[in-house]
């Protein structure tokens, strides 16, 4: 029987039923739940042509092993109804990457930072692709992204900041 101040097992706020202190110390909770729109867009913009490293090698051996490019899709799921009608559906659309050093099969991986020139080309492509960013604001946003890159900010965080700035619109005090 649970006390009135404990969270029920399976609760949306605290799935495992841990105490509040344990729950927030574990890195979970409402403040960290899910992925923001900006994080999702930043990852999507940087994913094409990116280099990924094995997260298991990094966690277990403090080693940054580059993963090979994805090569195969899992087979399609085959569904057959009572009348014998066949339907093919994807069970999982992701392709796996393999860690050659230790043989791990990885769905995803850690996105590696690019050299500054490559990253700034992506920033330029994003700003050009939006189309309605005034040139002075575009230059200002690119300068801020370059400065963050020079200061050592990771590409994914830097791109998230750029997406946030673009969504927020121009600062009325900068005019």
N, C-alpha and C. Protein backbone atom coordinates (compact mmCIF):
# COMPACT_ATOMS: atom_id res chain seq x y z
N UNK A 1 0.84 -1.17 0.00
CA UNK A 1 0.00 0.00 0.00
C UNK A 1 0.89 1.24 0.00
N UNK A 2 0.54 2.23 -0.80
CA UNK A 2 1.38 3.42 -0.88
C UNK A 2 0.81 4.52 -0.01
N UNK A 3 1.71 5.39 0.42
CA UNK A 3 1.26 6.52 1.23
C UNK A 3 0.67 7.58 0.31
N UNK A 4 -0.04 8.52 0.88
CA UNK A 4 -0.72 9.53 0.08
C UNK A 4 0.24 10.49 -0.60
N UNK A 5 1.47 10.60 -0.10
CA UNK A 5 2.40 11.55 -0.70
C UNK A 5 3.36 10.89 -1.69
N UNK A 6 3.23 9.59 -1.95
CA UNK A 6 4.11 8.95 -2.92
C UNK A 6 3.42 8.88 -4.27
N UNK A 7 4.21 8.79 -5.31
CA UNK A 7 3.68 8.72 -6.67
C UNK A 7 3.43 7.27 -7.03
N UNK A 8 2.33 7.00 -7.68
CA UNK A 8 2.00 5.63 -8.08
C UNK A 8 2.94 5.15 -9.16
N UNK A 9 3.27 3.87 -9.11
CA UNK A 9 4.09 3.26 -10.14
C UNK A 9 3.38 3.40 -11.48
N UNK A 10 4.09 3.88 -12.49
CA UNK A 10 3.50 4.07 -13.81
C UNK A 10 2.94 5.46 -14.04
N UNK A 11 3.03 6.34 -13.06
CA UNK A 11 2.55 7.71 -13.21
C UNK A 11 3.29 8.40 -14.34
N UNK A 12 2.63 9.27 -15.07
CA UNK A 12 3.28 9.98 -16.18
C UNK A 12 4.39 10.89 -15.68
N UNK A 13 4.24 11.44 -14.48
CA UNK A 13 5.26 12.32 -13.93
C UNK A 13 6.46 11.55 -13.38
N UNK A 14 6.25 10.31 -12.93
CA UNK A 14 7.29 9.55 -12.27
C UNK A 14 7.03 8.07 -12.51
N UNK A 15 7.40 7.59 -13.69
CA UNK A 15 7.04 6.26 -14.13
C UNK A 15 7.48 5.16 -13.17
N UNK A 16 8.67 5.26 -12.60
CA UNK A 16 9.21 4.19 -11.78
C UNK A 16 8.80 4.29 -10.32
N UNK A 17 8.09 5.34 -9.94
CA UNK A 17 7.60 5.45 -8.57
C UNK A 17 8.69 5.79 -7.57
N UNK A 18 9.77 6.40 -8.00
CA UNK A 18 10.87 6.76 -7.10
C UNK A 18 10.47 7.98 -6.28
N UNK A 19 11.21 8.20 -5.20
CA UNK A 19 10.96 9.40 -4.40
C UNK A 19 11.31 10.62 -5.25
N UNK A 20 10.78 11.77 -4.89
CA UNK A 20 11.04 12.99 -5.67
C UNK A 20 12.53 13.27 -5.77
N UNK A 21 13.28 13.10 -4.65
CA UNK A 21 14.72 13.37 -4.68
C UNK A 21 15.44 12.43 -5.63
N UNK A 22 15.14 11.12 -5.54
CA UNK A 22 15.76 10.15 -6.45
C UNK A 22 15.42 10.46 -7.89
N UNK A 23 14.19 10.84 -8.13
CA UNK A 23 13.69 11.08 -9.49
C UNK A 23 14.41 12.24 -10.15
N UNK A 24 14.54 13.36 -9.46
CA UNK A 24 15.18 14.53 -10.08
C UNK A 24 16.70 14.38 -10.12
N UNK A 25 17.29 13.65 -9.17
CA UNK A 25 18.73 13.41 -9.20
C UNK A 25 19.12 12.51 -10.36
N UNK A 26 18.19 11.67 -10.82
CA UNK A 26 18.50 10.74 -11.91
C UNK A 26 18.56 11.43 -13.26
N UNK A 27 18.21 12.73 -13.31
CA UNK A 27 18.24 13.45 -14.58
C UNK A 27 16.94 13.38 -15.32
N UNK A 28 15.90 12.91 -14.69
CA UNK A 28 14.58 12.83 -15.29
C UNK A 28 13.69 13.89 -14.66
N UNK A 29 12.49 13.94 -15.09
CA UNK A 29 11.55 14.88 -14.50
C UNK A 29 11.03 15.85 -15.53
N UNK A 30 10.04 16.63 -15.15
CA UNK A 30 9.39 17.52 -16.10
C UNK A 30 10.34 18.51 -16.77
N UNK A 31 11.35 18.98 -16.07
CA UNK A 31 12.25 19.98 -16.64
C UNK A 31 13.10 19.40 -17.77
N UNK A 32 13.36 18.10 -17.75
CA UNK A 32 14.25 17.49 -18.74
C UNK A 32 13.53 16.49 -19.64
N UNK A 33 12.24 16.41 -19.55
CA UNK A 33 11.51 15.39 -20.32
C UNK A 33 11.46 15.76 -21.80
N UNK A 34 11.72 14.80 -22.66
CA UNK A 34 11.56 14.99 -24.10
C UNK A 34 12.63 15.84 -24.75
N UNK A 35 12.38 16.17 -25.99
CA UNK A 35 13.28 16.98 -26.79
C UNK A 35 12.52 18.20 -27.26
N UNK A 36 13.14 19.34 -27.15
CA UNK A 36 12.48 20.57 -27.60
C UNK A 36 12.45 20.63 -29.12
N UNK A 37 11.60 21.46 -29.64
CA UNK A 37 11.51 21.68 -31.09
C UNK A 37 12.87 22.12 -31.62
N UNK A 38 13.50 23.05 -30.92
CA UNK A 38 14.79 23.58 -31.36
C UNK A 38 15.86 22.49 -31.40
N UNK A 39 15.88 21.60 -30.40
CA UNK A 39 16.85 20.51 -30.38
C UNK A 39 16.62 19.55 -31.55
N UNK A 40 15.36 19.25 -31.81
CA UNK A 40 15.01 18.35 -32.91
C UNK A 40 15.45 18.93 -34.25
N UNK A 41 15.14 20.21 -34.48
CA UNK A 41 15.51 20.86 -35.75
C UNK A 41 17.02 20.94 -35.88
N UNK A 42 17.71 21.29 -34.80
CA UNK A 42 19.16 21.40 -34.84
C UNK A 42 19.79 20.06 -35.24
N UNK A 43 19.32 18.97 -34.63
CA UNK A 43 19.86 17.66 -34.96
C UNK A 43 19.57 17.31 -36.42
N UNK A 44 18.35 17.58 -36.88
CA UNK A 44 17.98 17.27 -38.26
C UNK A 44 18.85 18.04 -39.25
N UNK A 45 19.15 19.30 -38.95
CA UNK A 45 19.97 20.11 -39.84
C UNK A 45 21.41 19.62 -39.90
N UNK A 46 21.90 19.09 -38.80
CA UNK A 46 23.30 18.66 -38.73
C UNK A 46 23.52 17.19 -39.08
N UNK A 47 22.46 16.39 -39.14
CA UNK A 47 22.60 14.94 -39.29
C UNK A 47 23.14 14.52 -40.66
N UNK A 48 22.72 15.19 -41.72
CA UNK A 48 23.13 14.77 -43.06
C UNK A 48 24.64 14.93 -43.23
N UNK A 49 25.29 13.84 -43.58
CA UNK A 49 26.73 13.86 -43.80
C UNK A 49 27.57 13.96 -42.54
N UNK A 50 26.95 13.79 -41.39
CA UNK A 50 27.67 13.92 -40.13
C UNK A 50 28.48 12.67 -39.80
N UNK A 51 29.45 12.83 -38.92
CA UNK A 51 30.21 11.72 -38.39
C UNK A 51 29.66 11.40 -37.00
N UNK A 52 29.43 10.12 -36.74
CA UNK A 52 28.91 9.68 -35.45
C UNK A 52 29.94 8.80 -34.77
N UNK A 53 29.99 8.89 -33.43
CA UNK A 53 30.85 8.01 -32.66
C UNK A 53 30.00 7.10 -31.79
N UNK A 54 30.60 6.00 -31.37
CA UNK A 54 29.91 4.97 -30.60
C UNK A 54 29.69 5.45 -29.16
N UNK A 55 28.43 5.56 -28.73
CA UNK A 55 28.18 6.01 -27.36
C UNK A 55 28.61 4.99 -26.32
N UNK A 56 28.56 3.70 -26.66
CA UNK A 56 28.96 2.67 -25.70
C UNK A 56 30.48 2.68 -25.47
N UNK A 57 31.25 2.91 -26.53
CA UNK A 57 32.70 3.00 -26.38
C UNK A 57 33.07 4.22 -25.55
N UNK A 58 32.34 5.32 -25.76
CA UNK A 58 32.61 6.53 -25.00
C UNK A 58 32.29 6.32 -23.52
N UNK A 59 31.16 5.66 -23.23
CA UNK A 59 30.75 5.46 -21.84
C UNK A 59 31.60 4.41 -21.13
N UNK A 60 31.87 3.30 -21.80
CA UNK A 60 32.55 2.17 -21.15
C UNK A 60 34.08 2.27 -21.19
N UNK A 61 34.64 2.87 -22.24
CA UNK A 61 36.10 2.85 -22.43
C UNK A 61 36.70 4.24 -22.60
N UNK A 62 35.88 5.29 -22.51
CA UNK A 62 36.33 6.66 -22.75
C UNK A 62 37.10 6.76 -24.06
N UNK A 63 36.54 6.11 -25.08
CA UNK A 63 37.17 6.02 -26.39
C UNK A 63 36.18 6.56 -27.43
N UNK A 64 36.65 7.36 -28.37
CA UNK A 64 35.78 7.95 -29.39
C UNK A 64 36.00 7.23 -30.71
N UNK A 65 35.25 6.15 -30.90
CA UNK A 65 35.35 5.31 -32.09
C UNK A 65 34.30 5.76 -33.11
N UNK A 66 34.73 6.05 -34.32
CA UNK A 66 33.81 6.48 -35.37
C UNK A 66 33.02 5.28 -35.86
N UNK A 67 31.71 5.47 -35.96
CA UNK A 67 30.81 4.41 -36.45
C UNK A 67 30.81 4.40 -37.96
N UNK A 68 30.63 3.22 -38.53
CA UNK A 68 30.51 3.14 -39.99
C UNK A 68 29.15 3.70 -40.41
N UNK A 69 29.03 4.05 -41.67
CA UNK A 69 27.76 4.58 -42.17
C UNK A 69 26.69 3.50 -42.10
N UNK A 70 25.44 3.92 -41.91
CA UNK A 70 24.36 2.93 -41.88
C UNK A 70 24.26 2.23 -43.24
N UNK A 71 23.95 0.94 -43.20
CA UNK A 71 23.97 0.20 -44.45
C UNK A 71 22.71 -0.59 -44.74
N UNK A 72 21.94 -0.92 -43.73
CA UNK A 72 20.80 -1.79 -43.98
C UNK A 72 19.58 -1.31 -43.20
N UNK A 73 18.42 -1.53 -43.81
CA UNK A 73 17.17 -1.32 -43.09
C UNK A 73 16.73 -2.67 -42.51
N UNK A 74 16.08 -2.66 -41.36
CA UNK A 74 15.50 -3.91 -40.89
C UNK A 74 14.45 -4.38 -41.89
N UNK A 75 14.18 -5.69 -41.95
CA UNK A 75 13.19 -6.17 -42.91
C UNK A 75 11.80 -5.62 -42.59
N UNK A 76 10.96 -5.54 -43.62
CA UNK A 76 9.59 -5.09 -43.44
C UNK A 76 8.80 -6.09 -42.61
N UNK A 77 7.88 -5.58 -41.81
CA UNK A 77 6.97 -6.45 -41.07
C UNK A 77 5.92 -6.97 -42.03
N UNK A 78 5.58 -8.22 -41.92
CA UNK A 78 4.56 -8.83 -42.77
C UNK A 78 3.31 -9.07 -41.93
N UNK A 79 2.20 -8.45 -42.30
CA UNK A 79 0.94 -8.64 -41.61
C UNK A 79 -0.02 -9.35 -42.55
N UNK A 80 -0.69 -10.36 -42.04
CA UNK A 80 -1.66 -11.11 -42.84
C UNK A 80 -2.96 -11.18 -42.05
N UNK A 81 -4.06 -10.75 -42.67
CA UNK A 81 -5.34 -10.82 -41.96
C UNK A 81 -6.00 -12.19 -42.19
N UNK A 82 -7.18 -12.39 -41.64
CA UNK A 82 -7.88 -13.68 -41.71
C UNK A 82 -8.21 -14.08 -43.15
N UNK A 83 -8.36 -13.10 -44.04
CA UNK A 83 -8.67 -13.39 -45.44
C UNK A 83 -7.43 -13.62 -46.29
N UNK A 84 -6.26 -13.59 -45.68
CA UNK A 84 -5.03 -13.81 -46.41
C UNK A 84 -4.47 -12.57 -47.08
N UNK A 85 -5.00 -11.40 -46.76
CA UNK A 85 -4.53 -10.14 -47.34
C UNK A 85 -3.19 -9.77 -46.70
N UNK A 86 -2.17 -9.54 -47.52
CA UNK A 86 -0.82 -9.22 -47.03
C UNK A 86 -0.60 -7.71 -47.02
N UNK A 87 0.01 -7.23 -45.94
CA UNK A 87 0.40 -5.82 -45.84
C UNK A 87 1.83 -5.78 -45.33
N UNK A 88 2.67 -4.99 -45.99
CA UNK A 88 4.03 -4.80 -45.52
C UNK A 88 4.13 -3.45 -44.82
N UNK A 89 4.71 -3.46 -43.63
CA UNK A 89 4.88 -2.22 -42.86
C UNK A 89 6.28 -2.23 -42.26
N UNK A 90 6.83 -1.03 -42.08
CA UNK A 90 8.11 -0.94 -41.39
C UNK A 90 7.90 -1.15 -39.90
N UNK A 91 8.70 -2.03 -39.32
CA UNK A 91 8.69 -2.18 -37.87
C UNK A 91 9.57 -1.12 -37.25
N UNK A 92 10.63 -0.78 -37.93
CA UNK A 92 11.54 0.25 -37.45
C UNK A 92 12.24 0.84 -38.67
N UNK A 93 12.12 2.14 -38.86
CA UNK A 93 12.66 2.78 -40.05
C UNK A 93 14.15 3.10 -39.96
N UNK A 94 14.73 2.98 -38.77
CA UNK A 94 16.13 3.37 -38.59
C UNK A 94 17.08 2.31 -39.14
N UNK A 95 18.21 2.77 -39.64
CA UNK A 95 19.26 1.86 -40.05
C UNK A 95 20.30 1.82 -38.94
N UNK A 96 20.90 0.68 -38.73
CA UNK A 96 21.89 0.58 -37.66
C UNK A 96 23.28 0.94 -38.16
N UNK A 97 24.09 1.36 -37.22
CA UNK A 97 25.50 1.60 -37.48
C UNK A 97 26.28 0.59 -36.65
N UNK A 98 27.43 0.21 -37.13
CA UNK A 98 28.24 -0.79 -36.42
C UNK A 98 29.54 -0.16 -35.97
N UNK A 99 29.91 -0.47 -34.74
CA UNK A 99 31.20 -0.05 -34.19
C UNK A 99 32.22 -1.12 -34.54
N UNK A 100 33.13 -0.80 -35.40
CA UNK A 100 34.11 -1.79 -35.85
C UNK A 100 35.08 -2.20 -34.75
N UNK A 101 35.35 -1.29 -33.82
CA UNK A 101 36.33 -1.59 -32.77
C UNK A 101 35.85 -2.68 -31.81
N UNK A 102 34.57 -2.64 -31.44
CA UNK A 102 34.07 -3.58 -30.43
C UNK A 102 32.82 -4.34 -30.87
N UNK A 103 32.35 -4.11 -32.09
CA UNK A 103 31.23 -4.88 -32.61
C UNK A 103 29.86 -4.46 -32.12
N UNK A 104 29.75 -3.34 -31.44
CA UNK A 104 28.44 -2.87 -30.97
C UNK A 104 27.57 -2.50 -32.16
N UNK A 105 26.28 -2.79 -32.06
CA UNK A 105 25.30 -2.32 -33.04
C UNK A 105 24.60 -1.14 -32.40
N UNK A 106 24.61 0.00 -33.08
CA UNK A 106 24.14 1.25 -32.50
C UNK A 106 23.05 1.84 -33.38
N UNK A 107 21.97 2.27 -32.75
CA UNK A 107 20.90 3.00 -33.43
C UNK A 107 21.14 4.48 -33.16
N UNK A 108 21.82 5.15 -34.06
CA UNK A 108 22.11 6.57 -33.85
C UNK A 108 23.59 6.76 -33.61
N UNK A 109 23.94 7.25 -32.43
CA UNK A 109 25.32 7.53 -32.06
C UNK A 109 25.46 8.97 -31.64
N UNK A 110 26.66 9.33 -31.20
CA UNK A 110 26.93 10.71 -30.82
C UNK A 110 27.35 11.51 -32.05
N UNK A 111 26.68 12.61 -32.28
CA UNK A 111 26.97 13.49 -33.41
C UNK A 111 28.26 14.26 -33.12
N UNK A 112 29.24 14.13 -34.00
CA UNK A 112 30.52 14.81 -33.80
C UNK A 112 30.47 16.24 -34.36
N UNK A 113 31.26 17.12 -33.74
CA UNK A 113 31.35 18.49 -34.25
C UNK A 113 32.13 18.50 -35.55
N UNK A 114 31.77 19.45 -36.41
CA UNK A 114 32.45 19.64 -37.69
C UNK A 114 33.51 20.74 -37.54
N UNK A 115 34.43 20.80 -38.52
CA UNK A 115 35.35 21.95 -38.55
C UNK A 115 34.54 23.24 -38.72
N UNK A 116 35.10 24.36 -38.28
CA UNK A 116 34.38 25.64 -38.29
C UNK A 116 33.87 26.01 -39.68
N UNK A 117 34.68 25.81 -40.72
CA UNK A 117 34.26 26.16 -42.07
C UNK A 117 33.03 25.38 -42.53
N UNK A 118 33.02 24.08 -42.27
CA UNK A 118 31.87 23.24 -42.63
C UNK A 118 30.62 23.66 -41.86
N UNK A 119 30.80 23.92 -40.57
CA UNK A 119 29.65 24.32 -39.75
C UNK A 119 29.07 25.64 -40.26
N UNK A 120 29.92 26.59 -40.60
CA UNK A 120 29.44 27.89 -41.07
C UNK A 120 28.76 27.77 -42.43
N UNK A 121 29.17 26.80 -43.26
CA UNK A 121 28.45 26.55 -44.52
C UNK A 121 27.02 26.11 -44.25
N UNK A 122 26.85 25.27 -43.23
CA UNK A 122 25.50 24.82 -42.86
C UNK A 122 24.68 26.00 -42.34
N UNK A 123 25.29 26.85 -41.51
CA UNK A 123 24.61 28.05 -41.01
C UNK A 123 24.17 28.91 -42.18
N UNK A 124 25.04 29.11 -43.14
CA UNK A 124 24.72 29.92 -44.32
C UNK A 124 23.57 29.30 -45.12
N UNK A 125 23.60 27.98 -45.29
CA UNK A 125 22.54 27.29 -46.01
C UNK A 125 21.21 27.46 -45.29
N UNK A 126 21.22 27.35 -43.96
CA UNK A 126 19.99 27.52 -43.17
C UNK A 126 19.45 28.93 -43.34
N UNK A 127 20.31 29.93 -43.21
CA UNK A 127 19.87 31.32 -43.33
C UNK A 127 19.37 31.63 -44.74
N UNK A 128 20.06 31.12 -45.76
CA UNK A 128 19.61 31.33 -47.15
C UNK A 128 18.29 30.60 -47.41
N UNK A 129 18.14 29.41 -46.82
CA UNK A 129 16.95 28.61 -47.06
C UNK A 129 15.69 29.20 -46.47
N UNK A 130 15.83 29.97 -45.41
CA UNK A 130 14.65 30.57 -44.79
C UNK A 130 14.09 31.66 -45.69
N UNK A 131 14.96 32.45 -46.27
CA UNK A 131 14.53 33.40 -47.29
C UNK A 131 14.06 34.75 -46.81
N UNK A 132 13.40 34.84 -45.68
CA UNK A 132 12.88 36.15 -45.28
C UNK A 132 13.69 36.78 -44.14
N UNK A 133 14.95 36.35 -43.98
CA UNK A 133 15.82 36.95 -42.98
C UNK A 133 16.55 38.12 -43.65
N UNK A 134 16.36 39.33 -43.16
CA UNK A 134 17.08 40.48 -43.75
C UNK A 134 18.59 40.24 -43.70
N UNK A 135 19.29 40.73 -44.70
CA UNK A 135 20.72 40.44 -44.81
C UNK A 135 21.51 40.90 -43.59
N UNK A 136 21.16 42.05 -43.01
CA UNK A 136 21.90 42.53 -41.83
C UNK A 136 21.68 41.60 -40.64
N UNK A 137 20.45 41.12 -40.48
CA UNK A 137 20.16 40.18 -39.38
C UNK A 137 20.84 38.84 -39.64
N UNK A 138 20.85 38.40 -40.90
CA UNK A 138 21.52 37.16 -41.26
C UNK A 138 23.00 37.21 -40.94
N UNK A 139 23.64 38.34 -41.27
CA UNK A 139 25.06 38.50 -40.96
C UNK A 139 25.29 38.49 -39.45
N UNK A 140 24.39 39.15 -38.71
CA UNK A 140 24.51 39.18 -37.25
C UNK A 140 24.36 37.77 -36.66
N UNK A 141 23.37 37.01 -37.14
CA UNK A 141 23.17 35.65 -36.65
C UNK A 141 24.36 34.76 -36.99
N UNK A 142 24.90 34.90 -38.19
CA UNK A 142 26.08 34.12 -38.60
C UNK A 142 27.29 34.48 -37.74
N UNK A 143 27.45 35.77 -37.44
CA UNK A 143 28.56 36.21 -36.60
C UNK A 143 28.44 35.62 -35.20
N UNK A 144 27.23 35.62 -34.65
CA UNK A 144 27.02 35.03 -33.32
C UNK A 144 27.33 33.53 -33.34
N UNK A 145 26.88 32.82 -34.39
CA UNK A 145 27.15 31.38 -34.49
C UNK A 145 28.65 31.13 -34.60
N UNK A 146 29.35 31.93 -35.39
CA UNK A 146 30.81 31.80 -35.53
C UNK A 146 31.50 32.03 -34.19
N UNK A 147 31.06 33.06 -33.46
CA UNK A 147 31.66 33.38 -32.15
C UNK A 147 31.43 32.22 -31.17
N UNK A 148 30.21 31.67 -31.17
CA UNK A 148 29.94 30.53 -30.27
C UNK A 148 30.82 29.34 -30.63
N UNK A 149 31.01 29.10 -31.92
CA UNK A 149 31.86 28.00 -32.38
C UNK A 149 33.30 28.22 -31.92
N UNK A 150 33.80 29.44 -32.07
CA UNK A 150 35.16 29.77 -31.64
C UNK A 150 35.32 29.63 -30.13
N UNK A 151 34.24 29.89 -29.39
CA UNK A 151 34.28 29.76 -27.93
C UNK A 151 34.16 28.31 -27.47
N UNK A 152 34.00 27.38 -28.41
CA UNK A 152 34.00 25.97 -28.07
C UNK A 152 32.63 25.33 -27.88
N UNK A 153 31.58 26.05 -28.23
CA UNK A 153 30.24 25.46 -28.09
C UNK A 153 30.09 24.34 -29.11
N UNK A 154 29.46 23.23 -28.68
CA UNK A 154 29.22 22.11 -29.58
C UNK A 154 28.26 22.53 -30.69
N UNK A 155 28.43 21.91 -31.86
CA UNK A 155 27.62 22.26 -33.03
C UNK A 155 26.13 22.14 -32.77
N UNK A 156 25.72 21.06 -32.11
CA UNK A 156 24.30 20.83 -31.89
C UNK A 156 23.70 21.93 -31.00
N UNK A 157 24.42 22.32 -29.97
CA UNK A 157 23.97 23.38 -29.08
C UNK A 157 23.97 24.71 -29.81
N UNK A 158 25.00 24.94 -30.60
CA UNK A 158 25.11 26.18 -31.37
C UNK A 158 23.96 26.30 -32.37
N UNK A 159 23.66 25.21 -33.08
CA UNK A 159 22.56 25.23 -34.05
C UNK A 159 21.23 25.42 -33.33
N UNK A 160 21.07 24.81 -32.16
CA UNK A 160 19.85 25.00 -31.38
C UNK A 160 19.68 26.48 -31.03
N UNK A 161 20.77 27.14 -30.66
CA UNK A 161 20.72 28.57 -30.36
C UNK A 161 20.31 29.38 -31.59
N UNK A 162 20.86 29.01 -32.75
CA UNK A 162 20.50 29.71 -33.99
C UNK A 162 19.01 29.53 -34.30
N UNK A 163 18.51 28.30 -34.17
CA UNK A 163 17.09 28.04 -34.42
C UNK A 163 16.23 28.84 -33.43
N UNK A 164 16.65 28.90 -32.18
CA UNK A 164 15.91 29.67 -31.17
C UNK A 164 15.89 31.14 -31.54
N UNK A 165 17.03 31.68 -31.96
CA UNK A 165 17.09 33.09 -32.35
C UNK A 165 16.20 33.37 -33.56
N UNK A 166 16.20 32.45 -34.51
CA UNK A 166 15.36 32.62 -35.70
C UNK A 166 13.87 32.58 -35.35
N UNK A 167 13.50 31.69 -34.45
CA UNK A 167 12.09 31.59 -34.05
C UNK A 167 11.64 32.80 -33.24
N UNK A 168 12.54 33.33 -32.45
CA UNK A 168 12.20 34.47 -31.59
C UNK A 168 11.99 35.74 -32.41
N UNK A 169 12.66 35.85 -33.52
CA UNK A 169 12.54 37.04 -34.33
C UNK A 169 13.56 38.09 -33.94
N UNK A 170 13.57 39.22 -34.66
CA UNK A 170 14.57 40.24 -34.37
C UNK A 170 14.34 40.88 -33.01
N UNK A 171 15.42 41.26 -32.37
CA UNK A 171 15.36 41.94 -31.07
C UNK A 171 14.96 43.41 -31.34
N UNK A 172 13.85 43.87 -30.77
CA UNK A 172 13.40 45.24 -31.05
C UNK A 172 14.38 46.30 -30.54
N UNK A 173 15.25 45.91 -29.61
CA UNK A 173 16.22 46.88 -29.06
C UNK A 173 17.47 47.02 -29.92
N UNK A 174 17.63 46.11 -30.91
CA UNK A 174 18.80 46.17 -31.80
C UNK A 174 18.57 47.12 -32.96
N UNK A 175 17.39 47.70 -33.09
CA UNK A 175 17.09 48.51 -34.27
C UNK A 175 17.35 49.97 -34.06
